[in-house]
Amino acid sequence: MNFVSKSFWAASIGLVFAASAFAQKQQLIVYTALETDQIKAYQEAFTRENPNIEIKWVRDSTGVITAKLLAEKANPQADVVMGVAATSLALFDRNGMLQPYAPLNLDAIMPAYRDKKSPPAWFGMDVFGATVCFNTVEAKKKNIPIPTTWKDLTKPEYKGQVVMPNPASSGTGYLDVVSWLQMWGDDAGKGGGWKYMDALHENIGQYTHSGSKPCNMAASGEYVAGISFEYRGHTNKAKGSPIELVFPKEGLGWDLEGFAIYKGTKKLDAAKKLADWASSKDAMRLYGKNFAITAQPGVAPKLAGIPDDYESRLIKLDFDKAAASREATLAEWSKRYDAKSEPKK
C-alpha cells in the first residue's frame, strides 16, 4: 500500500470513528426557566463529565414553560425539566407527567427541598426567595422611606412606584402571591392575602412578565421598588446599581429551582445522568455562586447583602396546596389585577 493509499485509509477510518461518535451523541431536550446567565456554566460542567450527551435548551419564564408543558401533555417534547419552580413540578406530578427517580446524591438533599415520595418525582436545586430591590437614589429624590415590611409598600408615598411580576407568567410572581395567601389567608377571594394585594395594586406601576425585570427596573431608576428575588438583587447590586435589598419582616415567599425527568422520555439513561449530576455537590457549588441556599446544606458560600438568618425568614410553604390551587388563584388574580400587566410580546 503506497503512502497516498495509507493516508486515504487512515482518513477514512478517522471519518468512520468520528461519524460513529457523532451518531452516539444523544440530544436531551431540557425545558428550563433558568436565567440565561446561569445556563452556560451548568452546561459546560455537565458536558465535561458527559461529552456524549448534548443538551438542547428550551427556555422561557416559569409561567410560559409551565403552560407549554401542560399543553404538550398528550404529545410530550421534553426529556427533562430543569430549573423550573417546584410548585410547577408538583403540578406536573399531580397530572402524572413525571418519571420518579432517586438520583445518586438524593440522601444529601434536605427533605424540605425535595418531593416526599420514594422515589421522588422531583428534587430541588436551590431556593429563590422574595426580595424587594429598592433604589436609594430615586427614593431620596422622591422622599420615599425604605420599606421594612410588605405592608409598607401599600402606603400612599409608594403610589405608582412599585413593580412586581405577573404570577401567571413568572415563578417569582407566583411565589409572592402564594406566600401572601398562605401567610394571611385565601378564603375564596376574601381572605387577608387578597385584601393585601388589593391595597398593593393601588401602588403598582406595572406587572411584568419576568421575575428579574422588576429588580432591573428599580436598578435603572424607572421605579423605586421592584419586587423580585435575591439572585437578581444580588447580581444587580454587585454590578454597582444603587439598590438596597429589603427582606420584609413578615416572612419571605420562596420556591425551588427544581429538576424532574419527563415521563415517557426515550432517553431515560441520559436523563438519569443529568439528574445525577444536577444533584451532585459539584452542581450545588455552581448553584451556590448564584443563590444563598442550595438543596444540599452547607455548600453555598455567603453572598454579600444576604442576611445570615435568610433561611429562617422563609415561610412554611405547602407545595401541594400551591400546585392544587394554581389555576383558581391565577384566575382570581387576573380578574382583579391584570389590567396593569405589561403587554405580552
C-alpha atoms as a PDB file:
ATOM      1  CA  MET A   1       0.000   0.000   0.000  1.00  0.00           C
ATOM      2  CA  ASN A   2       1.570   3.329  -1.024  1.00  0.00           C
ATOM      3  CA  PHE A   3       1.685   6.448   1.112  1.00  0.00           C
ATOM      4  CA  VAL A   4      -1.345   8.049  -0.565  1.00  0.00           C
ATOM      5  CA  SER A   5      -3.406   4.885  -0.056  1.00  0.00           C
ATOM      6  CA  LYS A   6      -2.335   4.665   3.570  1.00  0.00           C
ATOM      7  CA  SER A   7      -3.251   8.311   4.148  1.00  0.00           C
ATOM      8  CA  PHE A   8      -6.612   7.845   2.478  1.00  0.00           C
ATOM      9  CA  TRP A   9      -7.261   4.687   4.537  1.00  0.00           C
ATOM     10  CA  ALA A  10      -6.325   6.469   7.791  1.00  0.00           C
ATOM     11  CA  ALA A  11      -8.519   9.433   6.913  1.00  0.00           C
ATOM     12  CA  SER A  12     -11.416   7.133   6.052  1.00  0.00           C
ATOM     13  CA  ILE A  13     -11.074   5.258   9.352  1.00  0.00           C
ATOM     14  CA  GLY A  14     -10.952   8.600  11.188  1.00  0.00           C
ATOM     15  CA  LEU A  15     -14.138   9.739   9.489  1.00  0.00           C
ATOM     16  CA  VAL A  16     -15.873   6.469  10.364  1.00  0.00           C
ATOM     17  CA  PHE A  17     -14.913   6.841  14.036  1.00  0.00           C
ATOM     18  CA  ALA A  18     -15.938  10.499  14.051  1.00  0.00           C
ATOM     19  CA  ALA A  19     -19.262   9.661  12.431  1.00  0.00           C
ATOM     20  CA  SER A  20     -19.768   6.844  14.925  1.00  0.00           C
ATOM     21  CA  ALA A  21     -19.035   9.140  17.861  1.00  0.00           C
ATOM     22  CA  PHE A  22     -21.380  11.780  16.450  1.00  0.00           C
ATOM     23  CA  ALA A  23     -24.104   9.202  15.927  1.00  0.00           C
ATOM     24  CA  GLN A  24     -23.763   8.010  19.526  1.00  0.00           C
ATOM     25  CA  LYS A  25     -24.128  11.531  20.918  1.00  0.00           C
ATOM     26  CA  GLN A  26     -27.576  11.788  22.482  1.00  0.00           C
ATOM     27  CA  GLN A  27     -29.525  15.004  22.483  1.00  0.00           C
ATOM     28  CA  LEU A  28     -31.560  15.770  25.596  1.00  0.00           C
ATOM     29  CA  ILE A  29     -34.342  18.318  25.230  1.00  0.00           C
ATOM     30  CA  VAL A  30     -34.402  20.236  28.503  1.00  0.00           C
ATOM     31  CA  TYR A  31     -37.208  22.688  29.286  1.00  0.00           C
ATOM     32  CA  THR A  32     -35.982  25.391  31.653  1.00  0.00           C
ATOM     33  CA  ALA A  33     -36.671  28.731  33.291  1.00  0.00           C
ATOM     34  CA  LEU A  34     -33.035  29.156  34.358  1.00  0.00           C
ATOM     35  CA  GLU A  35     -31.612  32.615  33.845  1.00  0.00           C
ATOM     36  CA  THR A  36     -29.606  32.781  30.631  1.00  0.00           C
ATOM     37  CA  ASP A  37     -26.500  33.829  32.585  1.00  0.00           C
ATOM     38  CA  GLN A  38     -26.658  30.534  34.552  1.00  0.00           C
ATOM     39  CA  ILE A  39     -27.226  28.056  31.722  1.00  0.00           C
ATOM     40  CA  LYS A  40     -23.758  28.261  30.150  1.00  0.00           C
ATOM     41  CA  ALA A  41     -21.846  27.367  33.344  1.00  0.00           C
ATOM     42  CA  TYR A  42     -24.147  24.454  34.165  1.00  0.00           C
ATOM     43  CA  GLN A  43     -23.986  23.051  30.643  1.00  0.00           C
ATOM     44  CA  GLU A  44     -20.193  23.276  30.438  1.00  0.00           C
ATOM     45  CA  ALA A  45     -19.758  21.472  33.768  1.00  0.00           C
ATOM     46  CA  PHE A  46     -22.150  18.666  32.830  1.00  0.00           C
ATOM     47  CA  THR A  47     -20.673  18.238  29.328  1.00  0.00           C
ATOM     48  CA  ARG A  48     -17.151  17.867  30.733  1.00  0.00           C
ATOM     49  CA  GLU A  49     -18.331  14.745  32.564  1.00  0.00           C
ATOM     50  CA  ASN A  50     -20.750  13.549  29.874  1.00  0.00           C
ATOM     51  CA  PRO A  51     -19.314  14.511  26.457  1.00  0.00           C
ATOM     52  CA  ASN A  52     -21.680  12.171  24.605  1.00  0.00           C
ATOM     53  CA  ILE A  53     -24.805  13.970  25.793  1.00  0.00           C
ATOM     54  CA  GLU A  54     -25.802  17.205  24.115  1.00  0.00           C
ATOM     55  CA  ILE A  55     -28.359  19.465  25.834  1.00  0.00           C
ATOM     56  CA  LYS A  56     -30.860  21.382  23.760  1.00  0.00           C
ATOM     57  CA  TRP A  57     -32.402  24.050  25.983  1.00  0.00           C
ATOM     58  CA  VAL A  58     -35.952  25.316  25.555  1.00  0.00           C
ATOM     59  CA  ARG A  59     -36.054  28.412  27.762  1.00  0.00           C
ATOM     60  CA  ASP A  60     -38.785  30.794  28.855  1.00  0.00           C
ATOM     61  CA  SER A  61     -40.249  32.223  32.038  1.00  0.00           C
ATOM     62  CA  THR A  62     -41.743  29.763  34.532  1.00  0.00           C
ATOM     63  CA  GLY A  63     -45.355  30.553  33.656  1.00  0.00           C
ATOM     64  CA  VAL A  64     -44.764  30.116  29.928  1.00  0.00           C
ATOM     65  CA  ILE A  65     -42.797  26.869  30.384  1.00  0.00           C
ATOM     66  CA  THR A  66     -45.487  25.536  32.746  1.00  0.00           C
ATOM     67  CA  ALA A  67     -48.271  26.316  30.269  1.00  0.00           C
ATOM     68  CA  LYS A  68     -46.237  24.837  27.397  1.00  0.00           C
ATOM     69  CA  LEU A  69     -45.638  21.542  29.217  1.00  0.00           C
ATOM     70  CA  LEU A  70     -49.299  21.240  30.222  1.00  0.00           C
ATOM     71  CA  ALA A  71     -50.360  21.943  26.627  1.00  0.00           C
ATOM     72  CA  GLU A  72     -47.955  19.254  25.356  1.00  0.00           C
ATOM     73  CA  LYS A  73     -49.098  16.623  27.849  1.00  0.00           C
ATOM     74  CA  ALA A  74     -50.665  14.433  25.131  1.00  0.00           C
ATOM     75  CA  ASN A  75     -47.649  14.865  22.845  1.00  0.00           C
ATOM     76  CA  PRO A  76     -44.608  15.461  25.068  1.00  0.00           C
ATOM     77  CA  GLN A  77     -41.496  17.055  23.595  1.00  0.00           C
ATOM     78  CA  ALA A  78     -39.296  17.409  26.694  1.00  0.00           C
ATOM     79  CA  ASP A  79     -36.965  14.797  28.163  1.00  0.00           C
ATOM     80  CA  VAL A  80     -36.104  16.765  31.293  1.00  0.00           C
ATOM     81  CA  VAL A  81     -37.448  19.766  33.197  1.00  0.00           C
ATOM     82  CA  MET A  82     -34.625  21.628  34.954  1.00  0.00           C
ATOM     83  CA  GLY A  83     -34.544  24.945  36.788  1.00  0.00           C
ATOM     84  CA  VAL A  84     -38.343  25.232  36.881  1.00  0.00           C
ATOM     85  CA  ALA A  85     -40.242  26.142  40.053  1.00  0.00           C
ATOM     86  CA  ALA A  86     -41.054  23.207  42.323  1.00  0.00           C
ATOM     87  CA  THR A  87     -44.650  24.461  42.577  1.00  0.00           C
ATOM     88  CA  SER A  88     -44.893  23.776  38.834  1.00  0.00           C
ATOM     89  CA  LEU A  89     -43.159  20.408  39.174  1.00  0.00           C
ATOM     90  CA  ALA A  90     -45.681  19.443  41.871  1.00  0.00           C
ATOM     91  CA  LEU A  91     -48.443  20.387  39.418  1.00  0.00           C
ATOM     92  CA  PHE A  92     -46.902  18.197  36.686  1.00  0.00           C
ATOM     93  CA  ASP A  93     -46.657  15.350  39.185  1.00  0.00           C
ATOM     94  CA  ARG A  94     -50.371  15.706  40.021  1.00  0.00           C
ATOM     95  CA  ASN A  95     -51.004  15.333  36.281  1.00  0.00           C
ATOM     96  CA  GLY A  96     -48.911  12.160  36.003  1.00  0.00           C
ATOM     97  CA  MET A  97     -46.299  13.826  33.794  1.00  0.00           C
ATOM     98  CA  LEU A  98     -43.092  12.991  35.699  1.00  0.00           C
ATOM     99  CA  GLN A  99     -40.872   9.911  35.915  1.00  0.00           C
ATOM    100  CA  PRO A 100     -39.857   9.280  39.560  1.00  0.00           C
ATOM    101  CA  TYR A 101     -36.132   8.757  40.039  1.00  0.00           C
ATOM    102  CA  ALA A 102     -33.806   8.768  43.042  1.00  0.00           C
ATOM    103  CA  PRO A 103     -30.552  10.399  41.840  1.00  0.00           C
ATOM    104  CA  LEU A 104     -27.205   9.259  43.220  1.00  0.00           C
ATOM    105  CA  ASN A 105     -26.967  12.177  45.639  1.00  0.00           C
ATOM    106  CA  LEU A 106     -30.558  12.220  46.897  1.00  0.00           C
ATOM    107  CA  ASP A 107     -29.654  11.497  50.527  1.00  0.00           C
ATOM    108  CA  ALA A 108     -27.568  14.674  50.666  1.00  0.00           C
ATOM    109  CA  ILE A 109     -30.557  16.832  49.681  1.00  0.00           C
ATOM    110  CA  MET A 110     -32.574  18.212  52.589  1.00  0.00           C
ATOM    111  CA  PRO A 111     -36.046  16.591  52.903  1.00  0.00           C
ATOM    112  CA  ALA A 112     -37.737  20.024  52.850  1.00  0.00           C
ATOM    113  CA  TYR A 113     -36.235  20.646  49.418  1.00  0.00           C
ATOM    114  CA  ARG A 114     -37.454  17.535  47.564  1.00  0.00           C
ATOM    115  CA  ASP A 115     -40.582  15.560  46.806  1.00  0.00           C
ATOM    116  CA  LYS A 116     -41.630  13.482  49.830  1.00  0.00           C
ATOM    117  CA  LYS A 117     -42.363  10.316  47.821  1.00  0.00           C
ATOM    118  CA  SER A 118     -39.855   7.486  47.365  1.00  0.00           C
ATOM    119  CA  PRO A 119     -38.519   7.591  44.742  1.00  0.00           C
ATOM    120  CA  PRO A 120     -39.204  11.312  44.361  1.00  0.00           C
ATOM    121  CA  ALA A 121     -40.875  12.792  41.285  1.00  0.00           C
ATOM    122  CA  TRP A 122     -38.651  15.880  41.595  1.00  0.00           C
ATOM    123  CA  PHE A 123     -35.844  17.337  43.707  1.00  0.00           C
ATOM    124  CA  GLY A 124     -34.656  20.856  44.419  1.00  0.00           C
ATOM    125  CA  MET A 125     -31.510  22.539  43.179  1.00  0.00           C
ATOM    126  CA  ASP A 126     -31.600  25.856  45.044  1.00  0.00           C
ATOM    127  CA  VAL A 127     -34.004  28.217  46.789  1.00  0.00           C
ATOM    128  CA  PHE A 128     -35.081  31.501  45.261  1.00  0.00           C
ATOM    129  CA  GLY A 129     -36.754  33.835  47.722  1.00  0.00           C
ATOM    130  CA  ALA A 130     -38.629  37.108  47.609  1.00  0.00           C
ATOM    131  CA  THR A 131     -36.655  40.329  47.820  1.00  0.00           C
ATOM    132  CA  VAL A 132     -37.529  43.978  47.263  1.00  0.00           C
ATOM    133  CA  CYS A 133     -34.941  45.885  45.222  1.00  0.00           C
ATOM    134  CA  PHE A 134     -35.095  49.472  46.494  1.00  0.00           C
ATOM    135  CA  ASN A 135     -33.434  52.346  44.603  1.00  0.00           C
ATOM    136  CA  THR A 136     -31.999  54.590  47.302  1.00  0.00           C
ATOM    137  CA  VAL A 137     -31.087  57.442  44.927  1.00  0.00           C
ATOM    138  CA  GLU A 138     -34.564  57.775  43.386  1.00  0.00           C
ATOM    139  CA  ALA A 139     -36.197  57.263  46.788  1.00  0.00           C
ATOM    140  CA  LYS A 140     -34.226  60.175  48.236  1.00  0.00           C
ATOM    141  CA  LYS A 141     -35.317  62.427  45.356  1.00  0.00           C
ATOM    142  CA  LYS A 142     -38.947  61.497  45.977  1.00  0.00           C
ATOM    143  CA  ASN A 143     -38.657  61.474  49.777  1.00  0.00           C
ATOM    144  CA  ILE A 144     -39.781  57.830  49.995  1.00  0.00           C
ATOM    145  CA  PRO A 145     -38.564  55.867  53.052  1.00  0.00           C
ATOM    146  CA  ILE A 146     -37.045  52.405  52.700  1.00  0.00           C
ATOM    147  CA  PRO A 147     -39.674  49.739  53.480  1.00  0.00           C
ATOM    148  CA  THR A 148     -39.136  47.096  56.147  1.00  0.00           C
ATOM    149  CA  THR A 149     -42.419  45.174  55.711  1.00  0.00           C
ATOM    150  CA  TRP A 150     -44.660  44.058  52.862  1.00  0.00           C
ATOM    151  CA  LYS A 151     -47.405  46.312  54.202  1.00  0.00           C
ATOM    152  CA  ASP A 152     -45.136  49.362  53.943  1.00  0.00           C
ATOM    153  CA  LEU A 153     -45.467  49.029  50.157  1.00  0.00           C
ATOM    154  CA  THR A 154     -49.203  49.843  50.440  1.00  0.00           C
ATOM    155  CA  LYS A 155     -48.563  53.299  51.960  1.00  0.00           C
ATOM    156  CA  PRO A 156     -49.577  56.378  49.889  1.00  0.00           C
ATOM    157  CA  GLU A 157     -45.983  57.537  49.288  1.00  0.00           C
ATOM    158  CA  TYR A 158     -45.333  54.412  47.193  1.00  0.00           C
ATOM    159  CA  LYS A 159     -48.176  55.088  44.741  1.00  0.00           C
ATOM    160  CA  GLY A 160     -47.052  54.247  41.203  1.00  0.00           C
ATOM    161  CA  GLN A 161     -43.556  53.391  42.436  1.00  0.00           C
ATOM    162  CA  VAL A 162     -43.838  49.598  42.885  1.00  0.00           C
ATOM    163  CA  VAL A 163     -43.423  46.986  40.168  1.00  0.00           C
ATOM    164  CA  MET A 164     -43.780  43.220  40.549  1.00  0.00           C
ATOM    165  CA  PRO A 165     -44.001  40.122  38.308  1.00  0.00           C
ATOM    166  CA  ASN A 166     -47.265  38.757  36.943  1.00  0.00           C
ATOM    167  CA  PRO A 167     -47.773  35.373  38.682  1.00  0.00           C
ATOM    168  CA  ALA A 168     -49.266  33.802  35.548  1.00  0.00           C
ATOM    169  CA  SER A 169     -46.026  34.253  33.626  1.00  0.00           C
ATOM    170  CA  SER A 170     -43.393  34.441  36.370  1.00  0.00           C
ATOM    171  CA  GLY A 171     -42.482  31.874  39.009  1.00  0.00           C
ATOM    172  CA  THR A 172     -41.285  34.736  41.217  1.00  0.00           C
ATOM    173  CA  GLY A 173     -44.665  36.435  40.896  1.00  0.00           C
ATOM    174  CA  TYR A 174     -46.438  33.195  41.775  1.00  0.00           C
ATOM    175  CA  LEU A 175     -44.299  32.600  44.884  1.00  0.00           C
ATOM    176  CA  ASP A 176     -45.198  36.138  46.063  1.00  0.00           C
ATOM    177  CA  VAL A 177     -48.916  35.564  45.635  1.00  0.00           C
ATOM    178  CA  VAL A 178     -48.780  32.070  47.194  1.00  0.00           C
ATOM    179  CA  SER A 179     -46.823  33.355  50.187  1.00  0.00           C
ATOM    180  CA  TRP A 180     -49.241  36.204  50.899  1.00  0.00           C
ATOM    181  CA  LEU A 181     -52.209  33.841  50.640  1.00  0.00           C
ATOM    182  CA  GLN A 182     -50.559  31.206  52.836  1.00  0.00           C
ATOM    183  CA  MET A 183     -49.446  33.811  55.405  1.00  0.00           C
ATOM    184  CA  TRP A 184     -52.628  35.876  55.583  1.00  0.00           C
ATOM    185  CA  GLY A 185     -55.384  33.625  54.253  1.00  0.00           C
ATOM    186  CA  ASP A 186     -57.204  32.956  50.999  1.00  0.00           C
ATOM    187  CA  ASP A 187     -60.894  32.349  51.838  1.00  0.00           C
ATOM    188  CA  ALA A 188     -62.294  32.229  48.286  1.00  0.00           C
ATOM    189  CA  GLY A 189     -61.000  35.639  47.292  1.00  0.00           C
ATOM    190  CA  LYS A 190     -61.962  37.387  50.552  1.00  0.00           C
ATOM    191  CA  GLY A 191     -59.041  36.483  52.817  1.00  0.00           C
ATOM    192  CA  GLY A 192     -56.295  38.722  54.156  1.00  0.00           C
ATOM    193  CA  GLY A 193     -53.941  37.823  51.319  1.00  0.00           C
ATOM    194  CA  TRP A 194     -56.356  39.214  48.735  1.00  0.00           C
ATOM    195  CA  LYS A 195     -57.009  42.314  50.851  1.00  0.00           C
ATOM    196  CA  TYR A 196     -53.273  42.926  50.927  1.00  0.00           C
ATOM    197  CA  MET A 197     -52.972  42.519  47.153  1.00  0.00           C
ATOM    198  CA  ASP A 198     -55.935  44.897  46.641  1.00  0.00           C
ATOM    199  CA  ALA A 199     -54.075  47.554  48.634  1.00  0.00           C
ATOM    200  CA  LEU A 200     -50.754  46.824  46.907  1.00  0.00           C
ATOM    201  CA  HIS A 201     -52.425  47.031  43.485  1.00  0.00           C
ATOM    202  CA  GLU A 202     -53.230  50.692  44.151  1.00  0.00           C
ATOM    203  CA  ASN A 203     -49.486  51.411  44.239  1.00  0.00           C
ATOM    204  CA  ILE A 204     -48.385  49.104  41.402  1.00  0.00           C
ATOM    205  CA  GLY A 205     -46.986  50.852  38.342  1.00  0.00           C
ATOM    206  CA  GLN A 206     -46.806  47.665  36.286  1.00  0.00           C
ATOM    207  CA  TYR A 207     -46.850  43.877  36.471  1.00  0.00           C
ATOM    208  CA  THR A 208     -44.018  42.432  34.379  1.00  0.00           C
ATOM    209  CA  HIS A 209     -43.740  39.035  32.687  1.00  0.00           C
ATOM    210  CA  SER A 210     -40.280  38.363  34.152  1.00  0.00           C
ATOM    211  CA  GLY A 211     -39.146  37.827  37.729  1.00  0.00           C
ATOM    212  CA  SER A 212     -35.863  39.657  37.096  1.00  0.00           C
ATOM    213  CA  LYS A 213     -37.359  42.691  35.373  1.00  0.00           C
ATOM    214  CA  PRO A 214     -38.763  44.475  38.466  1.00  0.00           C
ATOM    215  CA  CYS A 215     -35.302  44.483  40.066  1.00  0.00           C
ATOM    216  CA  ASN A 216     -33.739  45.635  36.796  1.00  0.00           C
ATOM    217  CA  MET A 217     -36.282  48.466  36.557  1.00  0.00           C
ATOM    218  CA  ALA A 218     -35.574  49.525  40.143  1.00  0.00           C
ATOM    219  CA  ALA A 219     -31.824  49.319  39.482  1.00  0.00           C
ATOM    220  CA  SER A 220     -32.169  51.658  36.487  1.00  0.00           C
ATOM    221  CA  GLY A 221     -34.345  54.110  38.432  1.00  0.00           C
ATOM    222  CA  GLU A 222     -37.501  53.510  36.418  1.00  0.00           C
ATOM    223  CA  TYR A 223     -39.291  52.578  39.643  1.00  0.00           C
ATOM    224  CA  VAL A 224     -38.277  52.946  43.267  1.00  0.00           C
ATOM    225  CA  ALA A 225     -39.256  49.446  44.443  1.00  0.00           C
ATOM    226  CA  GLY A 226     -39.115  46.217  42.446  1.00  0.00           C
ATOM    227  CA  ILE A 227     -40.459  43.001  43.978  1.00  0.00           C
ATOM    228  CA  SER A 228     -38.079  40.350  42.672  1.00  0.00           C
ATOM    229  CA  PHE A 229     -35.832  37.568  44.023  1.00  0.00           C
ATOM    230  CA  GLU A 230     -32.481  37.531  45.777  1.00  0.00           C
ATOM    231  CA  TYR A 231     -30.384  36.250  42.850  1.00  0.00           C
ATOM    232  CA  ARG A 232     -31.232  39.213  40.645  1.00  0.00           C
ATOM    233  CA  GLY A 233     -30.977  41.657  43.539  1.00  0.00           C
ATOM    234  CA  HIS A 234     -27.553  40.325  44.482  1.00  0.00           C
ATOM    235  CA  THR A 235     -26.202  40.432  40.916  1.00  0.00           C
ATOM    236  CA  ASN A 236     -27.530  43.952  40.219  1.00  0.00           C
ATOM    237  CA  LYS A 237     -26.120  45.322  43.474  1.00  0.00           C
ATOM    238  CA  ALA A 238     -22.775  43.624  42.764  1.00  0.00           C
ATOM    239  CA  LYS A 239     -22.658  45.469  39.425  1.00  0.00           C
ATOM    240  CA  GLY A 240     -22.912  48.776  41.290  1.00  0.00           C
ATOM    241  CA  SER A 241     -26.618  49.564  40.973  1.00  0.00           C
ATOM    242  CA  PRO A 242     -27.826  51.998  43.688  1.00  0.00           C
ATOM    243  CA  ILE A 243     -30.180  49.497  45.316  1.00  0.00           C
ATOM    244  CA  GLU A 244     -30.654  48.076  48.774  1.00  0.00           C
ATOM    245  CA  LEU A 245     -32.098  44.589  49.177  1.00  0.00           C
ATOM    246  CA  VAL A 246     -35.085  44.509  51.506  1.00  0.00           C
ATOM    247  CA  PHE A 247     -36.249  41.259  53.137  1.00  0.00           C
ATOM    248  CA  PRO A 248     -39.691  42.109  54.597  1.00  0.00           C
ATOM    249  CA  LYS A 249     -40.159  41.215  58.260  1.00  0.00           C
ATOM    250  CA  GLU A 250     -43.443  39.312  57.942  1.00  0.00           C
ATOM    251  CA  GLY A 251     -41.731  36.467  56.092  1.00  0.00           C
ATOM    252  CA  LEU A 252     -40.418  35.644  52.646  1.00  0.00           C
ATOM    253  CA  GLY A 253     -42.140  33.689  49.941  1.00  0.00           C
ATOM    254  CA  TRP A 254     -39.878  31.225  48.199  1.00  0.00           C
ATOM    255  CA  ASP A 255     -39.739  28.374  45.754  1.00  0.00           C
ATOM    256  CA  LEU A 256     -37.138  25.959  44.483  1.00  0.00           C
ATOM    257  CA  GLU A 257     -35.473  25.699  41.150  1.00  0.00           C
ATOM    258  CA  GLY A 258     -36.104  22.003  40.720  1.00  0.00           C
ATOM    259  CA  PHE A 259     -35.304  19.036  38.498  1.00  0.00           C
ATOM    260  CA  ALA A 260     -37.534  16.287  37.109  1.00  0.00           C
ATOM    261  CA  ILE A 261     -37.421  13.665  34.375  1.00  0.00           C
ATOM    262  CA  TYR A 262     -40.337  13.822  31.985  1.00  0.00           C
ATOM    263  CA  LYS A 263     -42.408  10.652  31.872  1.00  0.00           C
ATOM    264  CA  GLY A 264     -42.133   8.762  28.595  1.00  0.00           C
ATOM    265  CA  THR A 265     -38.728  10.098  27.562  1.00  0.00           C
ATOM    266  CA  LYS A 266     -36.960   7.770  25.127  1.00  0.00           C
ATOM    267  CA  LYS A 267     -33.607   8.909  26.543  1.00  0.00           C
ATOM    268  CA  LEU A 268     -34.067   7.786  30.137  1.00  0.00           C
ATOM    269  CA  ASP A 269     -30.438   6.764  30.716  1.00  0.00           C
ATOM    270  CA  ALA A 270     -29.142  10.147  29.576  1.00  0.00           C
ATOM    271  CA  ALA A 271     -31.818  11.921  31.623  1.00  0.00           C
ATOM    272  CA  LYS A 272     -30.734   9.966  34.712  1.00  0.00           C
ATOM    273  CA  LYS A 273     -27.115  11.041  34.143  1.00  0.00           C
ATOM    274  CA  LEU A 274     -28.210  14.664  34.071  1.00  0.00           C
ATOM    275  CA  ALA A 275     -30.246  14.071  37.258  1.00  0.00           C
ATOM    276  CA  ASP A 276     -27.226  12.510  38.972  1.00  0.00           C
ATOM    277  CA  TRP A 277     -25.081  15.496  38.019  1.00  0.00           C
ATOM    278  CA  ALA A 278     -27.755  18.066  38.954  1.00  0.00           C
ATOM    279  CA  SER A 279     -27.990  16.572  42.458  1.00  0.00           C
ATOM    280  CA  SER A 280     -24.206  16.417  42.980  1.00  0.00           C
ATOM    281  CA  LYS A 281     -22.099  18.587  45.256  1.00  0.00           C
ATOM    282  CA  ASP A 282     -20.225  19.940  42.209  1.00  0.00           C
ATOM    283  CA  ALA A 283     -23.509  21.162  40.736  1.00  0.00           C
ATOM    284  CA  MET A 284     -24.610  22.561  44.105  1.00  0.00           C
ATOM    285  CA  ARG A 285     -21.391  24.591  44.289  1.00  0.00           C
ATOM    286  CA  LEU A 286     -22.286  26.180  40.958  1.00  0.00           C
ATOM    287  CA  TYR A 287     -25.838  26.938  42.162  1.00  0.00           C
ATOM    288  CA  GLY A 288     -24.300  28.439  45.303  1.00  0.00           C
ATOM    289  CA  LYS A 289     -22.500  31.069  43.232  1.00  0.00           C
ATOM    290  CA  ASN A 290     -25.934  32.450  42.392  1.00  0.00           C
ATOM    291  CA  PHE A 291     -28.161  31.552  45.328  1.00  0.00           C
ATOM    292  CA  ALA A 292     -27.762  31.812  49.092  1.00  0.00           C
ATOM    293  CA  ILE A 293     -29.402  28.426  49.784  1.00  0.00           C
ATOM    294  CA  THR A 294     -28.780  25.179  47.911  1.00  0.00           C
ATOM    295  CA  ALA A 295     -30.722  21.942  48.322  1.00  0.00           C
ATOM    296  CA  GLN A 296     -27.605  20.341  49.810  1.00  0.00           C
ATOM    297  CA  PRO A 297     -26.836  22.275  53.019  1.00  0.00           C
ATOM    298  CA  GLY A 298     -23.510  23.920  53.748  1.00  0.00           C
ATOM    299  CA  VAL A 299     -22.418  24.193  50.122  1.00  0.00           C
ATOM    300  CA  ALA A 300     -23.248  27.779  49.176  1.00  0.00           C
ATOM    301  CA  PRO A 301     -20.768  30.486  50.203  1.00  0.00           C
ATOM    302  CA  LYS A 302     -22.195  33.579  51.900  1.00  0.00           C
ATOM    303  CA  LEU A 303     -23.484  36.081  49.358  1.00  0.00           C
ATOM    304  CA  ALA A 304     -22.933  39.788  50.011  1.00  0.00           C
ATOM    305  CA  GLY A 305     -26.112  41.604  51.022  1.00  0.00           C
ATOM    306  CA  ILE A 306     -27.995  38.438  52.002  1.00  0.00           C
ATOM    307  CA  PRO A 307     -28.729  38.302  55.778  1.00  0.00           C
ATOM    308  CA  ASP A 308     -27.291  35.460  57.851  1.00  0.00           C
ATOM    309  CA  ASP A 309     -30.768  34.421  59.002  1.00  0.00           C
ATOM    310  CA  TYR A 310     -32.179  34.432  55.466  1.00  0.00           C
ATOM    311  CA  GLU A 311     -33.221  30.763  55.519  1.00  0.00           C
ATOM    312  CA  SER A 312     -35.098  31.163  58.799  1.00  0.00           C
ATOM    313  CA  ARG A 313     -37.143  34.014  57.281  1.00  0.00           C
ATOM    314  CA  LEU A 314     -38.640  31.738  54.609  1.00  0.00           C
ATOM    315  CA  ILE A 315     -42.300  30.964  55.286  1.00  0.00           C
ATOM    316  CA  LYS A 316     -43.535  27.418  55.763  1.00  0.00           C
ATOM    317  CA  LEU A 317     -44.600  26.537  52.225  1.00  0.00           C
ATOM    318  CA  ASP A 318     -47.140  23.889  51.212  1.00  0.00           C
ATOM    319  CA  PHE A 319     -46.070  22.849  47.683  1.00  0.00           C
ATOM    320  CA  ASP A 320     -49.049  20.536  47.145  1.00  0.00           C
ATOM    321  CA  LYS A 321     -51.529  23.245  48.128  1.00  0.00           C
ATOM    322  CA  ALA A 322     -49.782  25.754  45.863  1.00  0.00           C
ATOM    323  CA  ALA A 323     -49.984  23.275  42.966  1.00  0.00           C
ATOM    324  CA  ALA A 324     -53.628  22.278  43.600  1.00  0.00           C
ATOM    325  CA  SER A 325     -54.858  25.880  43.834  1.00  0.00           C
ATOM    326  CA  ARG A 326     -52.748  27.302  40.994  1.00  0.00           C
ATOM    327  CA  GLU A 327     -55.476  27.535  38.345  1.00  0.00           C
ATOM    328  CA  ALA A 328     -58.052  29.119  40.662  1.00  0.00           C
ATOM    329  CA  THR A 329     -55.509  31.500  42.186  1.00  0.00           C
ATOM    330  CA  LEU A 330     -54.283  32.755  38.806  1.00  0.00           C
ATOM    331  CA  ALA A 331     -57.845  33.177  37.511  1.00  0.00           C
ATOM    332  CA  GLU A 332     -58.755  35.290  40.547  1.00  0.00           C
ATOM    333  CA  TRP A 333     -55.535  37.293  40.333  1.00  0.00           C
ATOM    334  CA  SER A 334     -56.026  38.003  36.602  1.00  0.00           C
ATOM    335  CA  LYS A 335     -59.633  39.090  37.119  1.00  0.00           C
ATOM    336  CA  ARG A 336     -58.591  41.594  39.765  1.00  0.00           C
ATOM    337  CA  TYR A 337     -55.241  42.948  38.612  1.00  0.00           C
ATOM    338  CA  ASP A 338     -54.302  42.003  35.048  1.00  0.00           C
ATOM    339  CA  ALA A 339     -55.211  45.430  33.663  1.00  0.00           C
ATOM    340  CA  LYS A 340     -51.841  46.752  34.885  1.00  0.00           C
ATOM    341  CA  SER A 341     -49.782  43.969  33.257  1.00  0.00           C
ATOM    342  CA  GLU A 342     -47.256  44.949  30.618  1.00  0.00           C
ATOM    343  CA  PRO A 343     -48.294  43.950  27.070  1.00  0.00           C
ATOM    344  CA  LYS A 344     -47.225  40.470  26.046  1.00  0.00           C
ATOM    345  CA  LYS A 345     -44.735  40.317  23.167  1.00  0.00           C
END
